[in-house]
Amino acid sequence: MIFYKKSLILIIGSILLMAVLLISLLFTQRGQEIKEISPKTIDKSSPFKDYTNMNFLKPGIHTEADVEKILGMPKTITHKGDKKYLLYDTPFNDFGNFVVLRDGKVEYALENVFGNYRGNLDDYRKMCGKEDRVYYEDGDDGEWYVFLKCGVAVDVFEFTRQVFYFIPQNEVSFFKNFSGELKMQKEPPEEDIETFIPAP
């Protein structure tokens, strides 16, 4: 009986030790991964080069401190309900990127793309498989290709224009959570048909 108790204590102790080592290893790797990334500086004289590290963000995992290590300090911070928006510049004044935090963690982020540095639709298909859904931009010709399991959506109109990073979720949740903010709809917008009336 005593031998059984000692064996049980030894097994439980070993399991706890392995769990502590595994957790510390995961946190150490996460810290090293972020330390290797430093914020980029926008060069407005070369606006079509990769200017941001937004593709390194991990929604649901990274914190506000992580975001600042990866992207630098935001230009402005705003609050809307329980969401905190960190706004970042792009090479063009008319476009801005943002990261949204909820409960201290990244919930989603939007990156504007001005070159071929984020790849094309086929690159995302190779990485994530076929898109789960295609949505249409309200009043625009762009289309959002959504990869639900990868937590990424790509706005494409001949080339990648925007990349949206989010916590992986199902299709119903995605549309409910983001269709308003991204101005997307399920059906393609109706085309304006010009009628030609010849002069008499």
N, C-alpha and C. Protein backbone atom coordinates (compact mmCIF):
# COMPACT_ATOMS: atom_id res chain seq x y z
N MET A 1 0.82 -1.20 0.00
CA MET A 1 0.00 0.00 0.00
C MET A 1 0.87 1.26 0.00
N ILE A 2 1.93 1.25 0.83
CA ILE A 2 2.84 2.40 0.89
C ILE A 2 3.54 2.57 -0.45
N PHE A 3 3.95 1.46 -1.05
CA PHE A 3 4.61 1.51 -2.36
C PHE A 3 3.68 2.13 -3.41
N TYR A 4 2.41 1.78 -3.36
CA TYR A 4 1.41 2.31 -4.30
C TYR A 4 1.28 3.82 -4.14
N LYS A 5 1.22 4.31 -2.89
CA LYS A 5 1.09 5.75 -2.64
C LYS A 5 2.33 6.48 -3.14
N LYS A 6 3.51 5.94 -2.89
CA LYS A 6 4.75 6.59 -3.34
C LYS A 6 4.79 6.64 -4.87
N SER A 7 4.36 5.58 -5.52
CA SER A 7 4.35 5.54 -6.99
C SER A 7 3.38 6.57 -7.54
N LEU A 8 2.22 6.67 -6.93
CA LEU A 8 1.21 7.62 -7.36
C LEU A 8 1.72 9.05 -7.20
N ILE A 9 2.34 9.35 -6.07
CA ILE A 9 2.89 10.69 -5.83
C ILE A 9 3.99 10.99 -6.84
N LEU A 10 4.82 10.02 -7.14
CA LEU A 10 5.90 10.19 -8.10
C LEU A 10 5.34 10.46 -9.50
N ILE A 11 4.32 9.75 -9.90
CA ILE A 11 3.71 9.93 -11.22
C ILE A 11 3.06 11.32 -11.32
N ILE A 12 2.30 11.69 -10.30
CA ILE A 12 1.64 13.02 -10.31
C ILE A 12 2.69 14.13 -10.33
N GLY A 13 3.74 13.96 -9.53
CA GLY A 13 4.82 14.96 -9.52
C GLY A 13 5.49 15.09 -10.88
N SER A 14 5.72 13.97 -11.55
CA SER A 14 6.34 14.00 -12.88
C SER A 14 5.45 14.70 -13.89
N ILE A 15 4.15 14.42 -13.83
CA ILE A 15 3.20 15.07 -14.75
C ILE A 15 3.18 16.58 -14.52
N LEU A 16 3.14 17.00 -13.26
CA LEU A 16 3.14 18.44 -12.96
C LEU A 16 4.43 19.11 -13.43
N LEU A 17 5.55 18.46 -13.23
CA LEU A 17 6.84 19.01 -13.68
C LEU A 17 6.87 19.16 -15.19
N MET A 18 6.38 18.15 -15.91
CA MET A 18 6.35 18.24 -17.38
C MET A 18 5.42 19.35 -17.83
N ALA A 19 4.29 19.53 -17.17
CA ALA A 19 3.35 20.59 -17.54
C ALA A 19 3.98 21.97 -17.34
N VAL A 20 4.67 22.16 -16.23
CA VAL A 20 5.35 23.44 -15.96
C VAL A 20 6.43 23.70 -17.00
N LEU A 21 7.21 22.68 -17.34
CA LEU A 21 8.26 22.85 -18.35
C LEU A 21 7.68 23.18 -19.72
N LEU A 22 6.60 22.53 -20.08
CA LEU A 22 5.95 22.78 -21.37
C LEU A 22 5.41 24.20 -21.45
N ILE A 23 4.75 24.65 -20.40
CA ILE A 23 4.21 26.02 -20.37
C ILE A 23 5.33 27.04 -20.45
N SER A 24 6.40 26.84 -19.69
CA SER A 24 7.51 27.80 -19.72
C SER A 24 8.18 27.80 -21.10
N LEU A 25 8.28 26.65 -21.74
CA LEU A 25 8.85 26.57 -23.08
C LEU A 25 8.01 27.34 -24.09
N LEU A 26 6.68 27.20 -24.01
CA LEU A 26 5.78 27.92 -24.92
C LEU A 26 5.92 29.43 -24.75
N PHE A 27 5.95 29.91 -23.50
CA PHE A 27 6.08 31.35 -23.26
C PHE A 27 7.45 31.87 -23.69
N THR A 28 8.49 31.09 -23.52
CA THR A 28 9.84 31.49 -23.94
C THR A 28 9.91 31.62 -25.44
N GLN A 29 9.33 30.66 -26.18
CA GLN A 29 9.34 30.73 -27.65
C GLN A 29 8.55 31.93 -28.13
N ARG A 30 7.40 32.21 -27.52
CA ARG A 30 6.59 33.35 -27.92
C ARG A 30 7.36 34.65 -27.72
N GLY A 31 8.05 34.76 -26.61
CA GLY A 31 8.85 35.96 -26.33
C GLY A 31 9.99 36.12 -27.31
N GLN A 32 10.68 35.03 -27.65
CA GLN A 32 11.78 35.10 -28.60
C GLN A 32 11.27 35.48 -29.98
N GLU A 33 10.12 34.93 -30.36
CA GLU A 33 9.55 35.22 -31.68
C GLU A 33 9.27 36.72 -31.82
N ILE A 34 8.72 37.35 -30.78
CA ILE A 34 8.41 38.78 -30.83
C ILE A 34 9.68 39.61 -30.77
N LYS A 35 10.70 39.17 -29.99
CA LYS A 35 11.94 39.93 -29.89
C LYS A 35 12.64 40.06 -31.24
N GLU A 36 12.48 39.06 -32.12
CA GLU A 36 13.14 39.08 -33.42
C GLU A 36 12.47 40.04 -34.40
N ILE A 37 11.28 40.52 -34.08
CA ILE A 37 10.54 41.43 -34.96
C ILE A 37 10.68 42.84 -34.42
N SER A 38 11.06 43.77 -35.28
CA SER A 38 11.10 45.16 -34.86
C SER A 38 10.23 45.98 -35.82
N PRO A 39 9.58 47.03 -35.32
CA PRO A 39 8.68 47.81 -36.16
C PRO A 39 9.39 48.38 -37.39
N LYS A 40 8.66 48.45 -38.50
CA LYS A 40 9.20 49.03 -39.73
C LYS A 40 8.89 50.51 -39.76
N THR A 41 9.73 51.24 -40.49
CA THR A 41 9.51 52.67 -40.70
C THR A 41 8.94 52.87 -42.09
N ILE A 42 7.90 53.68 -42.18
CA ILE A 42 7.27 53.93 -43.49
C ILE A 42 8.16 54.86 -44.30
N ASP A 43 8.47 54.43 -45.51
CA ASP A 43 9.25 55.25 -46.45
C ASP A 43 8.28 55.72 -47.53
N LYS A 44 7.81 56.97 -47.42
CA LYS A 44 6.82 57.48 -48.36
C LYS A 44 7.39 57.65 -49.76
N SER A 45 8.71 57.62 -49.90
CA SER A 45 9.31 57.71 -51.24
C SER A 45 9.26 56.37 -51.95
N SER A 46 9.01 55.27 -51.21
CA SER A 46 8.86 53.92 -51.79
C SER A 46 7.57 53.31 -51.26
N PRO A 47 6.41 53.86 -51.66
CA PRO A 47 5.15 53.44 -51.04
C PRO A 47 4.67 52.04 -51.40
N PHE A 48 5.29 51.42 -52.40
CA PHE A 48 4.80 50.12 -52.82
C PHE A 48 5.63 48.96 -52.26
N LYS A 49 6.47 49.25 -51.28
CA LYS A 49 7.25 48.21 -50.59
C LYS A 49 6.55 47.87 -49.29
N ASP A 50 6.86 46.69 -48.76
CA ASP A 50 6.28 46.24 -47.50
C ASP A 50 6.65 47.23 -46.39
N TYR A 51 5.66 47.80 -45.77
CA TYR A 51 5.89 48.88 -44.80
C TYR A 51 5.45 48.53 -43.38
N THR A 52 4.91 47.32 -43.18
CA THR A 52 4.36 46.99 -41.87
C THR A 52 4.57 45.50 -41.55
N ASN A 53 4.51 45.19 -40.27
CA ASN A 53 4.63 43.80 -39.80
C ASN A 53 3.28 43.21 -39.41
N MET A 54 2.20 43.75 -39.94
CA MET A 54 0.87 43.28 -39.50
C MET A 54 0.67 41.80 -39.74
N ASN A 55 1.36 41.24 -40.73
CA ASN A 55 1.21 39.81 -41.02
C ASN A 55 1.78 38.92 -39.90
N PHE A 56 2.48 39.51 -38.94
CA PHE A 56 3.00 38.74 -37.80
C PHE A 56 2.01 38.71 -36.62
N LEU A 57 0.95 39.50 -36.68
CA LEU A 57 -0.02 39.53 -35.58
C LEU A 57 -0.78 38.21 -35.48
N LYS A 58 -1.06 37.81 -34.24
CA LYS A 58 -1.81 36.58 -33.99
C LYS A 58 -3.03 36.91 -33.14
N PRO A 59 -4.18 37.14 -33.80
CA PRO A 59 -5.39 37.44 -33.02
C PRO A 59 -5.71 36.32 -32.03
N GLY A 60 -6.17 36.73 -30.85
CA GLY A 60 -6.49 35.78 -29.80
C GLY A 60 -5.30 35.41 -28.95
N ILE A 61 -4.09 35.76 -29.40
CA ILE A 61 -2.86 35.42 -28.67
C ILE A 61 -2.11 36.68 -28.26
N HIS A 62 -1.82 37.56 -29.21
CA HIS A 62 -1.01 38.74 -28.91
C HIS A 62 -1.78 39.76 -28.08
N THR A 63 -1.03 40.43 -27.20
CA THR A 63 -1.55 41.48 -26.33
C THR A 63 -1.20 42.84 -26.90
N GLU A 64 -1.66 43.89 -26.24
CA GLU A 64 -1.34 45.25 -26.68
C GLU A 64 0.18 45.48 -26.64
N ALA A 65 0.84 44.97 -25.61
CA ALA A 65 2.30 45.11 -25.53
C ALA A 65 2.98 44.41 -26.70
N ASP A 66 2.47 43.24 -27.09
CA ASP A 66 3.02 42.52 -28.24
C ASP A 66 2.85 43.35 -29.52
N VAL A 67 1.66 43.94 -29.67
CA VAL A 67 1.38 44.75 -30.86
C VAL A 67 2.38 45.90 -30.95
N GLU A 68 2.65 46.55 -29.84
CA GLU A 68 3.59 47.67 -29.85
C GLU A 68 5.01 47.22 -30.19
N LYS A 69 5.38 46.01 -29.78
CA LYS A 69 6.71 45.49 -30.15
C LYS A 69 6.78 45.18 -31.64
N ILE A 70 5.67 44.71 -32.20
CA ILE A 70 5.64 44.30 -33.61
C ILE A 70 5.44 45.49 -34.54
N LEU A 71 4.52 46.41 -34.17
CA LEU A 71 4.16 47.51 -35.07
C LEU A 71 4.65 48.88 -34.61
N GLY A 72 5.07 48.99 -33.36
CA GLY A 72 5.44 50.29 -32.82
C GLY A 72 4.23 50.94 -32.17
N MET A 73 4.38 52.17 -31.75
CA MET A 73 3.29 52.88 -31.09
C MET A 73 2.25 53.31 -32.12
N PRO A 74 0.97 53.19 -31.80
CA PRO A 74 -0.06 53.61 -32.75
C PRO A 74 -0.09 55.13 -32.90
N LYS A 75 -0.61 55.57 -34.04
CA LYS A 75 -0.76 57.02 -34.26
C LYS A 75 -1.81 57.57 -33.32
N THR A 76 -2.94 56.86 -33.23
CA THR A 76 -4.00 57.25 -32.30
C THR A 76 -4.65 56.00 -31.71
N ILE A 77 -5.32 56.20 -30.59
CA ILE A 77 -6.06 55.13 -29.93
C ILE A 77 -7.47 55.64 -29.69
N THR A 78 -8.47 54.84 -30.07
CA THR A 78 -9.86 55.21 -29.80
C THR A 78 -10.56 54.02 -29.15
N HIS A 79 -11.68 54.30 -28.52
CA HIS A 79 -12.48 53.25 -27.89
C HIS A 79 -13.88 53.28 -28.46
N LYS A 80 -14.45 52.10 -28.66
CA LYS A 80 -15.83 51.98 -29.11
C LYS A 80 -16.42 50.79 -28.37
N GLY A 81 -17.28 51.06 -27.41
CA GLY A 81 -17.81 49.99 -26.56
C GLY A 81 -16.67 49.33 -25.80
N ASP A 82 -16.60 48.00 -25.88
CA ASP A 82 -15.54 47.28 -25.17
C ASP A 82 -14.33 47.01 -26.07
N LYS A 83 -14.28 47.69 -27.22
CA LYS A 83 -13.16 47.51 -28.15
C LYS A 83 -12.22 48.71 -28.08
N LYS A 84 -10.94 48.41 -28.23
CA LYS A 84 -9.91 49.45 -28.26
C LYS A 84 -9.25 49.39 -29.63
N TYR A 85 -9.30 50.50 -30.37
CA TYR A 85 -8.75 50.57 -31.72
C TYR A 85 -7.38 51.25 -31.69
N LEU A 86 -6.38 50.55 -32.20
CA LEU A 86 -5.06 51.13 -32.37
C LEU A 86 -4.92 51.45 -33.85
N LEU A 87 -4.75 52.73 -34.18
CA LEU A 87 -4.70 53.16 -35.57
C LEU A 87 -3.27 53.44 -35.99
N TYR A 88 -2.90 52.93 -37.18
CA TYR A 88 -1.55 53.04 -37.70
C TYR A 88 -1.55 53.66 -39.09
N ASP A 89 -0.50 54.43 -39.37
CA ASP A 89 -0.34 55.05 -40.68
C ASP A 89 0.02 54.03 -41.75
N THR A 90 -0.20 54.45 -43.00
CA THR A 90 0.25 53.71 -44.17
C THR A 90 1.03 54.72 -45.03
N PRO A 91 1.62 54.28 -46.15
CA PRO A 91 2.33 55.24 -47.00
C PRO A 91 1.42 56.29 -47.63
N PHE A 92 0.11 56.07 -47.61
CA PHE A 92 -0.83 57.01 -48.22
C PHE A 92 -1.76 57.58 -47.16
N ASN A 93 -1.91 58.89 -47.15
CA ASN A 93 -2.69 59.56 -46.11
C ASN A 93 -4.16 59.15 -46.09
N ASP A 94 -4.71 58.74 -47.23
CA ASP A 94 -6.13 58.40 -47.30
C ASP A 94 -6.46 57.00 -46.74
N PHE A 95 -5.44 56.24 -46.39
CA PHE A 95 -5.64 54.88 -45.90
C PHE A 95 -4.98 54.70 -44.54
N GLY A 96 -5.65 53.97 -43.67
CA GLY A 96 -5.08 53.66 -42.36
C GLY A 96 -5.30 52.21 -42.00
N ASN A 97 -4.39 51.66 -41.24
CA ASN A 97 -4.52 50.30 -40.72
C ASN A 97 -5.01 50.37 -39.29
N PHE A 98 -5.65 49.30 -38.84
CA PHE A 98 -6.04 49.30 -37.43
C PHE A 98 -5.95 47.90 -36.83
N VAL A 99 -5.76 47.89 -35.51
CA VAL A 99 -5.75 46.67 -34.71
C VAL A 99 -6.80 46.87 -33.64
N VAL A 100 -7.66 45.88 -33.45
CA VAL A 100 -8.71 45.98 -32.44
C VAL A 100 -8.42 45.01 -31.31
N LEU A 101 -8.44 45.55 -30.09
CA LEU A 101 -8.21 44.75 -28.88
C LEU A 101 -9.52 44.62 -28.10
N ARG A 102 -9.71 43.46 -27.52
CA ARG A 102 -10.81 43.26 -26.58
C ARG A 102 -10.29 42.40 -25.46
N ASP A 103 -10.55 42.81 -24.23
CA ASP A 103 -10.05 42.09 -23.05
C ASP A 103 -8.54 41.92 -23.10
N GLY A 104 -7.84 42.92 -23.64
CA GLY A 104 -6.38 42.93 -23.62
C GLY A 104 -5.70 42.15 -24.73
N LYS A 105 -6.48 41.49 -25.60
CA LYS A 105 -5.86 40.71 -26.68
C LYS A 105 -6.36 41.18 -28.04
N VAL A 106 -5.54 40.92 -29.06
CA VAL A 106 -5.92 41.27 -30.42
C VAL A 106 -7.13 40.43 -30.82
N GLU A 107 -8.18 41.11 -31.27
CA GLU A 107 -9.35 40.40 -31.77
C GLU A 107 -9.33 40.33 -33.29
N TYR A 108 -8.95 41.45 -33.92
CA TYR A 108 -8.79 41.46 -35.38
C TYR A 108 -7.99 42.67 -35.80
N ALA A 109 -7.55 42.65 -37.07
CA ALA A 109 -6.73 43.75 -37.59
C ALA A 109 -6.93 43.85 -39.09
N LEU A 110 -6.82 45.07 -39.61
CA LEU A 110 -6.96 45.30 -41.05
C LEU A 110 -5.70 45.99 -41.57
N GLU A 111 -5.15 45.39 -42.63
CA GLU A 111 -3.94 45.93 -43.27
C GLU A 111 -4.25 46.32 -44.72
N ASN A 112 -3.89 47.53 -45.10
CA ASN A 112 -3.97 47.96 -46.49
C ASN A 112 -2.68 47.57 -47.19
N VAL A 113 -2.82 47.03 -48.40
CA VAL A 113 -1.68 46.51 -49.15
C VAL A 113 -1.53 47.32 -50.43
N PHE A 114 -0.30 47.77 -50.73
CA PHE A 114 -0.06 48.62 -51.90
C PHE A 114 0.97 48.03 -52.86
N GLY A 115 1.23 46.76 -52.75
CA GLY A 115 2.19 46.10 -53.64
C GLY A 115 1.94 44.61 -53.65
N ASN A 116 2.87 43.85 -54.21
CA ASN A 116 2.67 42.40 -54.30
C ASN A 116 3.34 41.64 -53.15
N TYR A 117 3.75 42.33 -52.11
CA TYR A 117 4.50 41.71 -51.01
C TYR A 117 3.65 40.80 -50.12
N ARG A 118 2.33 40.85 -50.16
CA ARG A 118 1.49 39.93 -49.39
C ARG A 118 0.98 38.78 -50.25
N GLY A 119 1.49 38.68 -51.47
CA GLY A 119 1.11 37.58 -52.33
C GLY A 119 -0.23 37.81 -53.00
N ASN A 120 -0.68 36.78 -53.70
CA ASN A 120 -1.96 36.87 -54.39
C ASN A 120 -2.90 35.80 -53.84
N LEU A 121 -4.07 35.72 -54.42
CA LEU A 121 -5.09 34.80 -53.93
C LEU A 121 -4.60 33.35 -53.96
N ASP A 122 -3.87 32.97 -55.01
CA ASP A 122 -3.36 31.60 -55.10
C ASP A 122 -2.41 31.27 -53.95
N ASP A 123 -1.64 32.26 -53.49
CA ASP A 123 -0.73 32.02 -52.36
C ASP A 123 -1.52 31.67 -51.09
N TYR A 124 -2.63 32.37 -50.88
CA TYR A 124 -3.46 32.08 -49.70
C TYR A 124 -4.14 30.72 -49.84
N ARG A 125 -4.52 30.37 -51.06
CA ARG A 125 -5.13 29.05 -51.29
C ARG A 125 -4.12 27.93 -51.04
N LYS A 126 -2.86 28.15 -51.40
CA LYS A 126 -1.83 27.14 -51.13
C LYS A 126 -1.61 26.97 -49.64
N MET A 127 -1.68 28.07 -48.91
CA MET A 127 -1.42 28.06 -47.47
C MET A 127 -2.63 27.52 -46.68
N CYS A 128 -3.85 27.88 -47.10
CA CYS A 128 -5.04 27.60 -46.30
C CYS A 128 -6.04 26.65 -46.96
N GLY A 129 -5.83 26.30 -48.21
CA GLY A 129 -6.83 25.54 -48.94
C GLY A 129 -7.82 26.47 -49.61
N LYS A 130 -8.84 25.92 -50.19
CA LYS A 130 -9.84 26.74 -50.89
C LYS A 130 -10.56 27.65 -49.89
N GLU A 131 -10.87 28.85 -50.32
CA GLU A 131 -11.59 29.78 -49.46
C GLU A 131 -12.92 29.18 -49.03
N ASP A 132 -13.35 29.52 -47.80
CA ASP A 132 -14.61 29.01 -47.27
C ASP A 132 -15.80 29.78 -47.81
N ARG A 133 -15.58 31.05 -48.11
CA ARG A 133 -16.69 31.91 -48.56
C ARG A 133 -16.13 33.11 -49.31
N VAL A 134 -16.91 33.62 -50.23
CA VAL A 134 -16.57 34.87 -50.92
C VAL A 134 -17.70 35.85 -50.61
N TYR A 135 -17.32 37.03 -50.11
CA TYR A 135 -18.28 38.11 -49.88
C TYR A 135 -17.92 39.25 -50.82
N TYR A 136 -18.87 40.16 -50.98
CA TYR A 136 -18.69 41.26 -51.93
C TYR A 136 -18.69 42.58 -51.18
N GLU A 137 -17.88 43.50 -51.66
CA GLU A 137 -17.84 44.81 -51.04
C GLU A 137 -19.06 45.61 -51.46
N ASP A 138 -19.68 46.26 -50.50
CA ASP A 138 -20.85 47.07 -50.76
C ASP A 138 -20.43 48.30 -51.57
N GLY A 139 -20.95 48.42 -52.78
CA GLY A 139 -20.66 49.59 -53.61
C GLY A 139 -19.27 49.58 -54.21
N ASP A 140 -18.64 48.43 -54.32
CA ASP A 140 -17.29 48.35 -54.88
C ASP A 140 -17.19 47.05 -55.68
N ASP A 141 -16.17 46.97 -56.51
CA ASP A 141 -15.98 45.77 -57.31
C ASP A 141 -15.13 44.71 -56.61
N GLY A 142 -14.63 45.03 -55.44
CA GLY A 142 -13.76 44.09 -54.73
C GLY A 142 -14.51 42.92 -54.14
N GLU A 143 -13.79 41.85 -53.90
CA GLU A 143 -14.35 40.65 -53.29
C GLU A 143 -13.47 40.22 -52.12
N TRP A 144 -14.11 39.80 -51.04
CA TRP A 144 -13.39 39.28 -49.88
C TRP A 144 -13.39 37.76 -49.94
N TYR A 145 -12.21 37.17 -50.02
CA TYR A 145 -12.04 35.72 -49.98
C TYR A 145 -11.68 35.36 -48.54
N VAL A 146 -12.55 34.58 -47.90
CA VAL A 146 -12.43 34.33 -46.47
C VAL A 146 -11.96 32.90 -46.22
N PHE A 147 -10.88 32.79 -45.44
CA PHE A 147 -10.31 31.50 -45.03
C PHE A 147 -10.53 31.38 -43.52
N LEU A 148 -11.65 30.78 -43.16
CA LEU A 148 -12.10 30.78 -41.76
C LEU A 148 -11.14 30.08 -40.82
N LYS A 149 -10.60 28.93 -41.22
CA LYS A 149 -9.72 28.17 -40.31
C LYS A 149 -8.36 28.84 -40.14
N CYS A 150 -7.91 29.57 -41.16
CA CYS A 150 -6.63 30.29 -41.08
C CYS A 150 -6.76 31.64 -40.39
N GLY A 151 -7.98 32.13 -40.25
CA GLY A 151 -8.17 33.44 -39.62
C GLY A 151 -7.68 34.58 -40.49
N VAL A 152 -7.93 34.47 -41.81
CA VAL A 152 -7.50 35.53 -42.71
C VAL A 152 -8.53 35.70 -43.83
N ALA A 153 -8.77 36.94 -44.21
CA ALA A 153 -9.62 37.26 -45.35
C ALA A 153 -8.84 38.23 -46.23
N VAL A 154 -8.98 38.05 -47.54
CA VAL A 154 -8.20 38.85 -48.49
C VAL A 154 -9.15 39.59 -49.42
N ASP A 155 -8.99 40.91 -49.48
CA ASP A 155 -9.78 41.75 -50.38
C ASP A 155 -9.04 41.82 -51.71
N VAL A 156 -9.66 41.31 -52.75
CA VAL A 156 -8.98 41.22 -54.05
C VAL A 156 -9.80 41.93 -55.11
N PHE A 157 -9.13 42.77 -55.88
CA PHE A 157 -9.67 43.32 -57.12
C PHE A 157 -8.48 43.39 -58.07
N GLU A 158 -8.27 42.32 -58.78
CA GLU A 158 -7.11 42.10 -59.66
C GLU A 158 -5.84 41.81 -58.86
N PHE A 159 -5.67 42.44 -57.71
CA PHE A 159 -4.52 42.18 -56.84
C PHE A 159 -4.99 42.31 -55.39
N THR A 160 -4.17 41.86 -54.45
CA THR A 160 -4.53 41.95 -53.03
C THR A 160 -4.49 43.41 -52.59
N ARG A 161 -5.63 43.90 -52.09
CA ARG A 161 -5.73 45.29 -51.65
C ARG A 161 -5.73 45.43 -50.14
N GLN A 162 -6.32 44.43 -49.46
CA GLN A 162 -6.39 44.46 -48.00
C GLN A 162 -6.30 43.03 -47.48
N VAL A 163 -5.74 42.91 -46.28
CA VAL A 163 -5.73 41.63 -45.59
C VAL A 163 -6.34 41.86 -44.20
N PHE A 164 -7.29 41.00 -43.86
CA PHE A 164 -7.99 41.09 -42.58
C PHE A 164 -7.62 39.87 -41.76
N TYR A 165 -7.06 40.10 -40.57
CA TYR A 165 -6.62 39.02 -39.68
C TYR A 165 -7.62 38.91 -38.54
N PHE A 166 -8.07 37.70 -38.21
CA PHE A 166 -9.08 37.53 -37.17
C PHE A 166 -8.90 36.19 -36.47
N ILE A 167 -9.58 36.03 -35.35
CA ILE A 167 -9.57 34.76 -34.63
C ILE A 167 -10.41 33.77 -35.45
N PRO A 168 -9.88 32.59 -35.77
CA PRO A 168 -10.66 31.63 -36.56
C PRO A 168 -12.04 31.39 -35.93
N GLN A 169 -13.05 31.34 -36.80
CA GLN A 169 -14.43 31.17 -36.35
C GLN A 169 -15.28 30.64 -37.49
N ASN A 170 -16.54 30.33 -37.20
CA ASN A 170 -17.40 29.78 -38.25
C ASN A 170 -17.97 30.91 -39.11
N GLU A 171 -18.59 30.51 -40.21
CA GLU A 171 -19.08 31.48 -41.21
C GLU A 171 -20.14 32.41 -40.65
N VAL A 172 -21.07 31.87 -39.86
CA VAL A 172 -22.14 32.70 -39.30
C VAL A 172 -21.56 33.77 -38.38
N SER A 173 -20.64 33.38 -37.52
CA SER A 173 -20.01 34.34 -36.60
C SER A 173 -19.22 35.38 -37.37
N PHE A 174 -18.47 34.94 -38.37
CA PHE A 174 -17.66 35.88 -39.15
C PHE A 174 -18.54 36.96 -39.77
N PHE A 175 -19.60 36.56 -40.44
CA PHE A 175 -20.45 37.55 -41.11
C PHE A 175 -21.12 38.47 -40.09
N LYS A 176 -21.58 37.91 -38.99
CA LYS A 176 -22.23 38.72 -37.94
C LYS A 176 -21.23 39.71 -37.33
N ASN A 177 -20.01 39.25 -37.09
CA ASN A 177 -19.02 40.08 -36.41
C ASN A 177 -18.40 41.16 -37.29
N PHE A 178 -18.24 40.88 -38.59
CA PHE A 178 -17.40 41.76 -39.40
C PHE A 178 -18.05 42.36 -40.65
N SER A 179 -19.22 41.90 -41.06
CA SER A 179 -19.80 42.40 -42.31
C SER A 179 -20.05 43.90 -42.27
N GLY A 180 -20.48 44.42 -41.13
CA GLY A 180 -20.73 45.85 -41.02
C GLY A 180 -19.45 46.66 -41.09
N GLU A 181 -18.46 46.25 -40.34
CA GLU A 181 -17.20 47.01 -40.30
C GLU A 181 -16.46 46.96 -41.63
N LEU A 182 -16.53 45.82 -42.31
CA LEU A 182 -15.83 45.68 -43.60
C LEU A 182 -16.73 46.02 -44.79
N LYS A 183 -17.98 46.40 -44.51
CA LYS A 183 -18.93 46.76 -45.57
C LYS A 183 -19.03 45.67 -46.64
N MET A 184 -19.27 44.45 -46.16
CA MET A 184 -19.39 43.33 -47.09
C MET A 184 -20.81 42.81 -47.11
N GLN A 185 -21.16 42.19 -48.23
CA GLN A 185 -22.49 41.62 -48.40
C GLN A 185 -22.36 40.25 -49.05
N LYS A 186 -23.44 39.46 -48.95
CA LYS A 186 -23.40 38.10 -49.47
C LYS A 186 -23.60 38.03 -50.98
N GLU A 187 -24.32 38.96 -51.52
CA GLU A 187 -24.60 38.96 -52.96
C GLU A 187 -23.78 40.05 -53.65
N PRO A 188 -23.40 39.82 -54.93
CA PRO A 188 -22.66 40.87 -55.64
C PRO A 188 -23.52 42.10 -55.82
N PRO A 189 -22.90 43.29 -55.78
CA PRO A 189 -23.69 44.51 -55.97
C PRO A 189 -24.29 44.53 -57.38
N GLU A 190 -25.46 45.12 -57.46
CA GLU A 190 -26.11 45.23 -58.77
C GLU A 190 -25.33 46.21 -59.62
N GLU A 191 -25.14 45.83 -60.88
CA GLU A 191 -24.42 46.70 -61.80
C GLU A 191 -25.36 47.73 -62.37
N ASP A 192 -24.83 48.95 -62.50
CA ASP A 192 -25.61 50.00 -63.16
C ASP A 192 -25.53 49.76 -64.65
N ILE A 193 -26.67 49.57 -65.28
CA ILE A 193 -26.69 49.34 -66.71
C ILE A 193 -27.05 50.65 -67.40
N GLU A 194 -26.10 51.11 -68.21
CA GLU A 194 -26.34 52.35 -68.92
C GLU A 194 -27.15 52.03 -70.18
N THR A 195 -28.19 52.77 -70.35
CA THR A 195 -28.98 52.57 -71.56
C THR A 195 -28.59 53.65 -72.57
N PHE A 196 -28.43 53.21 -73.79
CA PHE A 196 -28.03 54.13 -74.85
C PHE A 196 -29.28 54.46 -75.68
N ILE A 197 -29.61 55.70 -75.71
CA ILE A 197 -30.73 56.15 -76.52
C ILE A 197 -30.18 56.99 -77.64
N PRO A 198 -30.33 56.52 -78.87
CA PRO A 198 -29.77 57.30 -79.99
C PRO A 198 -30.50 58.63 -80.16
N ALA A 199 -29.76 59.60 -80.59
CA ALA A 199 -30.35 60.92 -80.84
C ALA A 199 -31.28 60.84 -82.04
N PRO A 200 -32.41 61.55 -81.98
CA PRO A 200 -33.35 61.50 -83.13
C PRO A 200 -32.80 62.18 -84.37
